[in-house]
């Protein structure tokens, strides 16, 4: 019995898939708001607030959900994470490089265009909660923000997200047929409630990654691509400041 055939007893209904896909995002949004709000919170920059939301929300919540399902089935977390098939090195490299290049190109080219496309749609969101409005030169605790960003947004956050979305949820979304990776990515994008103006960009950028994981039945592909993209983003921020 291979990795993709184990633990098929953990079946998720469509409503449960939607709830599991979006619920962590609600927690992340709430924590980011508490840290960043100048009225009800700690008045941290939204950049640091989102990094802290990854630390105190994303990682413990998603790992907690995985732990819950593992304990419920008398297994360890690693046992309920599927898509761990071994593939030839050459195929692995190609399966990583192609989606990575597409994702990088989409984030560079489409992201600024999407922001213009939305126009004033998100004007109801205060400027202090908009990442693209951040002036890094005015951020208090800048060094701490960047260190937390590299560690948690560059590595640990995307690592846990891939375990959760592509290692746990995606293999159990076969009821959606060939659209399963796309549905998975749509949920993944929408769960970023703190940046809805990037939904189109995220969906276009991450869909090739999800299909590569789906086709190869290997979640390591998603982990490597996701961590690489996020790390490059952190490096880009650091370079822009320097």
C-alpha atoms as a PDB file:
ATOM      1  CA  UNK A   1       0.000   0.000   0.000  1.00  0.00           C
ATOM      2  CA  UNK A   2       1.539   3.325  -1.036  1.00  0.00           C
ATOM      3  CA  UNK A   3       1.296   6.674   0.717  1.00  0.00           C
ATOM      4  CA  UNK A   4      -1.576   7.876  -1.440  1.00  0.00           C
ATOM      5  CA  UNK A   5      -3.692   4.854  -0.553  1.00  0.00           C
ATOM      6  CA  UNK A   6      -3.275   5.012   3.226  1.00  0.00           C
ATOM      7  CA  UNK A   7      -5.743   6.640   5.585  1.00  0.00           C
ATOM      8  CA  UNK A   8      -8.557   6.869   3.040  1.00  0.00           C
ATOM      9  CA  UNK A   9     -10.915   6.489   6.016  1.00  0.00           C
ATOM     10  CA  UNK A  10     -10.498  10.223   6.699  1.00  0.00           C
ATOM     11  CA  UNK A  11     -13.196  11.490   4.377  1.00  0.00           C
ATOM     12  CA  UNK A  12     -14.152  15.158   4.255  1.00  0.00           C
ATOM     13  CA  UNK A  13     -17.494  16.476   3.030  1.00  0.00           C
ATOM     14  CA  UNK A  14     -17.584  19.551   0.794  1.00  0.00           C
ATOM     15  CA  UNK A  15     -18.821  21.816   3.641  1.00  0.00           C
ATOM     16  CA  UNK A  16     -16.052  20.475   5.900  1.00  0.00           C
ATOM     17  CA  UNK A  17     -13.416  21.099   3.225  1.00  0.00           C
ATOM     18  CA  UNK A  18     -14.624  24.687   2.890  1.00  0.00           C
ATOM     19  CA  UNK A  19     -14.623  25.200   6.659  1.00  0.00           C
ATOM     20  CA  UNK A  20     -11.162  23.689   7.077  1.00  0.00           C
ATOM     21  CA  UNK A  21      -9.888  25.757   4.166  1.00  0.00           C
ATOM     22  CA  UNK A  22     -11.161  29.099   5.447  1.00  0.00           C
ATOM     23  CA  UNK A  23     -11.279  28.825   9.256  1.00  0.00           C
ATOM     24  CA  UNK A  24      -7.519  29.301   9.879  1.00  0.00           C
ATOM     25  CA  UNK A  25      -7.693  32.476   7.782  1.00  0.00           C
ATOM     26  CA  UNK A  26     -10.347  33.924  10.087  1.00  0.00           C
ATOM     27  CA  UNK A  27      -8.053  33.369  13.077  1.00  0.00           C
ATOM     28  CA  UNK A  28      -5.075  34.874  11.238  1.00  0.00           C
ATOM     29  CA  UNK A  29      -7.155  37.920  10.300  1.00  0.00           C
ATOM     30  CA  UNK A  30      -8.337  38.402  13.888  1.00  0.00           C
ATOM     31  CA  UNK A  31      -4.841  38.164  15.344  1.00  0.00           C
ATOM     32  CA  UNK A  32      -3.416  40.543  12.726  1.00  0.00           C
ATOM     33  CA  UNK A  33      -6.185  43.023  13.556  1.00  0.00           C
ATOM     34  CA  UNK A  34      -5.518  42.815  17.299  1.00  0.00           C
ATOM     35  CA  UNK A  35      -1.823  43.501  16.822  1.00  0.00           C
ATOM     36  CA  UNK A  36      -2.241  46.277  14.234  1.00  0.00           C
ATOM     37  CA  UNK A  37      -5.356  48.230  15.214  1.00  0.00           C
ATOM     38  CA  UNK A  38      -4.485  51.701  16.565  1.00  0.00           C
ATOM     39  CA  UNK A  39      -7.850  51.802  18.358  1.00  0.00           C
ATOM     40  CA  UNK A  40      -8.554  48.274  19.626  1.00  0.00           C
ATOM     41  CA  UNK A  41      -5.108  46.728  19.390  1.00  0.00           C
ATOM     42  CA  UNK A  42      -1.374  47.272  19.885  1.00  0.00           C
ATOM     43  CA  UNK A  43      -0.813  49.631  16.930  1.00  0.00           C
ATOM     44  CA  UNK A  44       1.989  47.527  15.425  1.00  0.00           C
ATOM     45  CA  UNK A  45       2.643  47.862  11.692  1.00  0.00           C
ATOM     46  CA  UNK A  46       0.459  45.562   9.604  1.00  0.00           C
ATOM     47  CA  UNK A  47       3.629  43.889   8.294  1.00  0.00           C
ATOM     48  CA  UNK A  48       4.789  42.837  11.769  1.00  0.00           C
ATOM     49  CA  UNK A  49       1.184  42.072  12.767  1.00  0.00           C
ATOM     50  CA  UNK A  50       0.763  39.568   9.932  1.00  0.00           C
ATOM     51  CA  UNK A  51       4.109  37.980  10.775  1.00  0.00           C
ATOM     52  CA  UNK A  52       2.938  37.575  14.385  1.00  0.00           C
ATOM     53  CA  UNK A  53      -0.383  36.203  13.132  1.00  0.00           C
ATOM     54  CA  UNK A  54       1.615  33.509  11.348  1.00  0.00           C
ATOM     55  CA  UNK A  55       3.436  32.707  14.594  1.00  0.00           C
ATOM     56  CA  UNK A  56       0.406  32.719  16.905  1.00  0.00           C
ATOM     57  CA  UNK A  57      -2.347  31.827  14.446  1.00  0.00           C
ATOM     58  CA  UNK A  58      -1.412  30.046  11.245  1.00  0.00           C
ATOM     59  CA  UNK A  59       1.150  27.593  12.589  1.00  0.00           C
ATOM     60  CA  UNK A  60      -0.574  26.469  15.830  1.00  0.00           C
ATOM     61  CA  UNK A  61      -4.078  26.401  14.317  1.00  0.00           C
ATOM     62  CA  UNK A  62      -3.186  24.377  11.227  1.00  0.00           C
ATOM     63  CA  UNK A  63      -0.899  22.017  13.117  1.00  0.00           C
ATOM     64  CA  UNK A  64      -3.614  21.744  15.778  1.00  0.00           C
ATOM     65  CA  UNK A  65      -6.204  20.694  13.197  1.00  0.00           C
ATOM     66  CA  UNK A  66      -3.800  18.134  11.776  1.00  0.00           C
ATOM     67  CA  UNK A  67      -3.099  16.834  15.278  1.00  0.00           C
ATOM     68  CA  UNK A  68      -6.846  16.565  15.952  1.00  0.00           C
ATOM     69  CA  UNK A  69      -7.473  14.407  12.886  1.00  0.00           C
ATOM     70  CA  UNK A  70      -4.378  12.333  13.618  1.00  0.00           C
ATOM     71  CA  UNK A  71      -5.440  11.612  17.213  1.00  0.00           C
ATOM     72  CA  UNK A  72      -9.012  10.945  16.101  1.00  0.00           C
ATOM     73  CA  UNK A  73      -7.690   8.156  13.885  1.00  0.00           C
ATOM     74  CA  UNK A  74      -5.031   6.930  16.334  1.00  0.00           C
ATOM     75  CA  UNK A  75      -2.232   8.075  14.060  1.00  0.00           C
ATOM     76  CA  UNK A  76       0.587  10.581  13.969  1.00  0.00           C
ATOM     77  CA  UNK A  77       0.392  13.741  11.878  1.00  0.00           C
ATOM     78  CA  UNK A  78       2.808  12.352   9.309  1.00  0.00           C
ATOM     79  CA  UNK A  79       0.472   9.398   8.763  1.00  0.00           C
ATOM     80  CA  UNK A  80      -2.453  11.568   7.626  1.00  0.00           C
ATOM     81  CA  UNK A  81      -0.301  13.604   5.227  1.00  0.00           C
ATOM     82  CA  UNK A  82      -0.552  12.020   1.805  1.00  0.00           C
ATOM     83  CA  UNK A  83       1.030  12.812  -1.565  1.00  0.00           C
ATOM     84  CA  UNK A  84       4.463  11.517  -0.568  1.00  0.00           C
ATOM     85  CA  UNK A  85       5.213   9.440  -3.639  1.00  0.00           C
ATOM     86  CA  UNK A  86       8.842   9.215  -4.711  1.00  0.00           C
ATOM     87  CA  UNK A  87       9.566  10.534  -8.200  1.00  0.00           C
ATOM     88  CA  UNK A  88      12.770  10.597 -10.295  1.00  0.00           C
ATOM     89  CA  UNK A  89      15.104  13.510  -9.555  1.00  0.00           C
ATOM     90  CA  UNK A  90      14.900  14.945 -13.089  1.00  0.00           C
ATOM     91  CA  UNK A  91      11.102  14.920 -13.014  1.00  0.00           C
ATOM     92  CA  UNK A  92      11.173  16.433  -9.524  1.00  0.00           C
ATOM     93  CA  UNK A  93      13.387  19.318 -10.655  1.00  0.00           C
ATOM     94  CA  UNK A  94      11.219  20.081 -13.695  1.00  0.00           C
ATOM     95  CA  UNK A  95       8.054  19.802 -11.599  1.00  0.00           C
ATOM     96  CA  UNK A  96       9.482  22.432  -9.259  1.00  0.00           C
ATOM     97  CA  UNK A  97      11.153  24.821 -11.703  1.00  0.00           C
ATOM     98  CA  UNK A  98       8.233  25.294 -14.111  1.00  0.00           C
ATOM     99  CA  UNK A  99       5.568  26.193 -11.495  1.00  0.00           C
ATOM    100  CA  UNK A 100       8.157  28.299  -9.645  1.00  0.00           C
ATOM    101  CA  UNK A 101       8.948  30.404 -12.720  1.00  0.00           C
ATOM    102  CA  UNK A 102       5.247  30.825 -13.501  1.00  0.00           C
ATOM    103  CA  UNK A 103       4.473  31.864  -9.910  1.00  0.00           C
ATOM    104  CA  UNK A 104       7.358  34.323  -9.820  1.00  0.00           C
ATOM    105  CA  UNK A 105       6.318  35.882 -13.131  1.00  0.00           C
ATOM    106  CA  UNK A 106       2.686  36.184 -12.038  1.00  0.00           C
ATOM    107  CA  UNK A 107       3.566  37.882  -8.754  1.00  0.00           C
ATOM    108  CA  UNK A 108       5.884  40.333 -10.504  1.00  0.00           C
ATOM    109  CA  UNK A 109       3.635  41.158 -13.463  1.00  0.00           C
ATOM    110  CA  UNK A 110       0.045  40.548 -12.394  1.00  0.00           C
ATOM    111  CA  UNK A 111       0.095  41.774  -8.787  1.00  0.00           C
ATOM    112  CA  UNK A 112       0.451  45.503  -9.572  1.00  0.00           C
ATOM    113  CA  UNK A 113      -2.090  45.209 -12.394  1.00  0.00           C
ATOM    114  CA  UNK A 114      -4.613  43.516 -10.119  1.00  0.00           C
ATOM    115  CA  UNK A 115      -4.266  46.287  -7.569  1.00  0.00           C
ATOM    116  CA  UNK A 116      -5.276  48.783 -10.257  1.00  0.00           C
ATOM    117  CA  UNK A 117      -8.074  46.496 -11.438  1.00  0.00           C
ATOM    118  CA  UNK A 118      -9.783  46.522  -8.054  1.00  0.00           C
ATOM    119  CA  UNK A 119      -9.749  50.328  -8.002  1.00  0.00           C
ATOM    120  CA  UNK A 120     -11.501  51.612  -4.878  1.00  0.00           C
ATOM    121  CA  UNK A 121     -13.242  48.299  -4.118  1.00  0.00           C
ATOM    122  CA  UNK A 122     -11.351  47.885  -0.860  1.00  0.00           C
ATOM    123  CA  UNK A 123     -11.419  51.495   0.296  1.00  0.00           C
ATOM    124  CA  UNK A 124     -13.474  50.347   3.297  1.00  0.00           C
ATOM    125  CA  UNK A 125     -10.319  48.709   4.672  1.00  0.00           C
ATOM    126  CA  UNK A 126      -8.269  51.265   6.656  1.00  0.00           C
ATOM    127  CA  UNK A 127      -4.868  52.180   5.237  1.00  0.00           C
ATOM    128  CA  UNK A 128      -3.095  50.931   8.364  1.00  0.00           C
ATOM    129  CA  UNK A 129      -4.328  47.409   7.499  1.00  0.00           C
ATOM    130  CA  UNK A 130      -3.100  47.415   3.889  1.00  0.00           C
ATOM    131  CA  UNK A 131       0.240  45.718   3.267  1.00  0.00           C
ATOM    132  CA  UNK A 132       0.871  47.608   0.037  1.00  0.00           C
ATOM    133  CA  UNK A 133       0.613  50.904   1.949  1.00  0.00           C
ATOM    134  CA  UNK A 134       3.413  49.979   4.356  1.00  0.00           C
ATOM    135  CA  UNK A 135       6.304  52.436   4.617  1.00  0.00           C
ATOM    136  CA  UNK A 136       9.116  50.261   5.901  1.00  0.00           C
ATOM    137  CA  UNK A 137      11.163  53.297   6.839  1.00  0.00           C
ATOM    138  CA  UNK A 138       8.556  54.190   9.452  1.00  0.00           C
ATOM    139  CA  UNK A 139       8.117  50.722  10.967  1.00  0.00           C
ATOM    140  CA  UNK A 140       8.932  50.391  14.647  1.00  0.00           C
ATOM    141  CA  UNK A 141      10.720  47.149  15.539  1.00  0.00           C
ATOM    142  CA  UNK A 142      11.898  46.876  11.908  1.00  0.00           C
ATOM    143  CA  UNK A 143      14.741  44.443  12.631  1.00  0.00           C
ATOM    144  CA  UNK A 144      12.436  42.205  14.642  1.00  0.00           C
ATOM    145  CA  UNK A 145       9.845  42.380  11.854  1.00  0.00           C
ATOM    146  CA  UNK A 146      12.375  41.274   9.235  1.00  0.00           C
ATOM    147  CA  UNK A 147      13.797  38.463  11.372  1.00  0.00           C
ATOM    148  CA  UNK A 148      10.315  37.133  12.132  1.00  0.00           C
ATOM    149  CA  UNK A 149       9.410  37.482   8.427  1.00  0.00           C
ATOM    150  CA  UNK A 150      12.388  35.460   7.180  1.00  0.00           C
ATOM    151  CA  UNK A 151      11.943  32.671   9.730  1.00  0.00           C
ATOM    152  CA  UNK A 152       8.170  32.379   9.836  1.00  0.00           C
ATOM    153  CA  UNK A 153       6.960  33.801   6.506  1.00  0.00           C
ATOM    154  CA  UNK A 154       9.936  32.528   4.551  1.00  0.00           C
ATOM    155  CA  UNK A 155      10.087  29.003   5.945  1.00  0.00           C
ATOM    156  CA  UNK A 156       7.878  27.795   8.778  1.00  0.00           C
ATOM    157  CA  UNK A 157       4.606  29.420   7.677  1.00  0.00           C
ATOM    158  CA  UNK A 158       4.608  28.170   4.070  1.00  0.00           C
ATOM    159  CA  UNK A 159       5.928  24.782   5.222  1.00  0.00           C
ATOM    160  CA  UNK A 160       2.919  24.305   7.524  1.00  0.00           C
ATOM    161  CA  UNK A 161       0.531  25.679   4.879  1.00  0.00           C
ATOM    162  CA  UNK A 162       1.741  23.115   2.367  1.00  0.00           C
ATOM    163  CA  UNK A 163       1.374  20.280   4.867  1.00  0.00           C
ATOM    164  CA  UNK A 164      -2.150  21.485   5.569  1.00  0.00           C
ATOM    165  CA  UNK A 165      -3.463  22.482   2.129  1.00  0.00           C
ATOM    166  CA  UNK A 166      -1.546  20.168  -0.200  1.00  0.00           C
ATOM    167  CA  UNK A 167      -0.568  17.320   2.134  1.00  0.00           C
ATOM    168  CA  UNK A 168      -3.850  16.963   4.030  1.00  0.00           C
ATOM    169  CA  UNK A 169      -6.728  18.700   2.217  1.00  0.00           C
ATOM    170  CA  UNK A 170      -5.840  18.248  -1.463  1.00  0.00           C
ATOM    171  CA  UNK A 171      -5.614  14.425  -1.420  1.00  0.00           C
ATOM    172  CA  UNK A 172      -9.096  14.338   0.120  1.00  0.00           C
ATOM    173  CA  UNK A 173     -10.673  16.569  -2.524  1.00  0.00           C
ATOM    174  CA  UNK A 174     -10.897  13.947  -5.264  1.00  0.00           C
ATOM    175  CA  UNK A 175     -14.686  14.445  -5.363  1.00  0.00           C
ATOM    176  CA  UNK A 176     -13.913  17.612  -7.352  1.00  0.00           C
ATOM    177  CA  UNK A 177     -12.200  15.530 -10.032  1.00  0.00           C
ATOM    178  CA  UNK A 178      -9.612  17.327 -12.156  1.00  0.00           C
ATOM    179  CA  UNK A 179     -10.722  20.632 -10.644  1.00  0.00           C
ATOM    180  CA  UNK A 180      -9.551  19.574  -7.165  1.00  0.00           C
ATOM    181  CA  UNK A 181      -6.238  21.505  -7.318  1.00  0.00           C
ATOM    182  CA  UNK A 182      -8.016  24.617  -8.588  1.00  0.00           C
ATOM    183  CA  UNK A 183     -10.647  24.447  -5.831  1.00  0.00           C
ATOM    184  CA  UNK A 184      -7.859  23.885  -3.322  1.00  0.00           C
ATOM    185  CA  UNK A 185      -6.037  26.994  -4.550  1.00  0.00           C
ATOM    186  CA  UNK A 186      -9.200  29.110  -4.509  1.00  0.00           C
ATOM    187  CA  UNK A 187      -9.740  28.179  -0.854  1.00  0.00           C
ATOM    188  CA  UNK A 188      -6.071  28.835  -0.143  1.00  0.00           C
ATOM    189  CA  UNK A 189      -6.288  32.269  -1.744  1.00  0.00           C
ATOM    190  CA  UNK A 190      -9.539  33.283  -0.074  1.00  0.00           C
ATOM    191  CA  UNK A 191      -8.179  32.259   3.323  1.00  0.00           C
ATOM    192  CA  UNK A 192      -5.761  35.203   3.009  1.00  0.00           C
ATOM    193  CA  UNK A 193      -8.543  37.492   4.254  1.00  0.00           C
ATOM    194  CA  UNK A 194      -6.024  40.223   5.056  1.00  0.00           C
ATOM    195  CA  UNK A 195      -5.143  40.779   1.366  1.00  0.00           C
ATOM    196  CA  UNK A 196      -8.226  40.191  -0.843  1.00  0.00           C
ATOM    197  CA  UNK A 197      -6.787  42.483  -3.521  1.00  0.00           C
ATOM    198  CA  UNK A 198      -4.327  39.691  -4.407  1.00  0.00           C
ATOM    199  CA  UNK A 199      -6.806  36.853  -4.945  1.00  0.00           C
ATOM    200  CA  UNK A 200      -6.495  36.785  -8.736  1.00  0.00           C
ATOM    201  CA  UNK A 201      -2.711  36.920  -8.523  1.00  0.00           C
ATOM    202  CA  UNK A 202      -2.536  34.156  -5.923  1.00  0.00           C
ATOM    203  CA  UNK A 203      -4.875  31.865  -7.845  1.00  0.00           C
ATOM    204  CA  UNK A 204      -2.914  32.296 -11.085  1.00  0.00           C
ATOM    205  CA  UNK A 205       0.426  31.894  -9.311  1.00  0.00           C
ATOM    206  CA  UNK A 206      -0.362  28.917  -7.079  1.00  0.00           C
ATOM    207  CA  UNK A 207      -2.536  26.812  -9.420  1.00  0.00           C
ATOM    208  CA  UNK A 208       0.455  25.380 -11.365  1.00  0.00           C
ATOM    209  CA  UNK A 209       2.053  24.458  -8.020  1.00  0.00           C
ATOM    210  CA  UNK A 210      -1.092  22.649  -6.867  1.00  0.00           C
ATOM    211  CA  UNK A 211      -1.456  20.736 -10.142  1.00  0.00           C
ATOM    212  CA  UNK A 212       2.213  19.758 -10.017  1.00  0.00           C
ATOM    213  CA  UNK A 213       1.696  18.363  -6.517  1.00  0.00           C
ATOM    214  CA  UNK A 214      -1.544  16.660  -7.603  1.00  0.00           C
ATOM    215  CA  UNK A 215      -0.090  15.065 -10.727  1.00  0.00           C
ATOM    216  CA  UNK A 216       3.117  13.883  -9.056  1.00  0.00           C
ATOM    217  CA  UNK A 217       1.440  12.973  -5.746  1.00  0.00           C
ATOM    218  CA  UNK A 218       4.339  14.686  -3.982  1.00  0.00           C
ATOM    219  CA  UNK A 219       3.767  17.527  -1.515  1.00  0.00           C
ATOM    220  CA  UNK A 220       7.509  18.289  -1.320  1.00  0.00           C
ATOM    221  CA  UNK A 221       7.095  20.092  -4.624  1.00  0.00           C
ATOM    222  CA  UNK A 222       4.702  22.573  -3.046  1.00  0.00           C
ATOM    223  CA  UNK A 223       6.869  22.994   0.043  1.00  0.00           C
ATOM    224  CA  UNK A 224       9.993  23.840  -1.961  1.00  0.00           C
ATOM    225  CA  UNK A 225       8.216  26.248  -4.332  1.00  0.00           C
ATOM    226  CA  UNK A 226       6.197  27.984  -1.619  1.00  0.00           C
ATOM    227  CA  UNK A 227       9.154  28.457   0.737  1.00  0.00           C
ATOM    228  CA  UNK A 228      11.332  29.695  -2.140  1.00  0.00           C
ATOM    229  CA  UNK A 229       8.782  32.275  -3.310  1.00  0.00           C
ATOM    230  CA  UNK A 230       8.155  33.556   0.208  1.00  0.00           C
ATOM    231  CA  UNK A 231      11.868  33.725   1.003  1.00  0.00           C
ATOM    232  CA  UNK A 232      12.527  35.692  -2.176  1.00  0.00           C
ATOM    233  CA  UNK A 233       9.738  38.065  -1.156  1.00  0.00           C
ATOM    234  CA  UNK A 234      11.416  38.608   2.220  1.00  0.00           C
ATOM    235  CA  UNK A 235      14.773  39.181   0.535  1.00  0.00           C
ATOM    236  CA  UNK A 236      13.120  41.668  -1.822  1.00  0.00           C
ATOM    237  CA  UNK A 237      11.776  43.630   1.141  1.00  0.00           C
ATOM    238  CA  UNK A 238      15.210  43.686   2.789  1.00  0.00           C
ATOM    239  CA  UNK A 239      16.899  44.836  -0.424  1.00  0.00           C
ATOM    240  CA  UNK A 240      14.320  47.604  -0.901  1.00  0.00           C
ATOM    241  CA  UNK A 241      15.090  48.885   2.597  1.00  0.00           C
ATOM    242  CA  UNK A 242      18.855  48.736   2.199  1.00  0.00           C
END
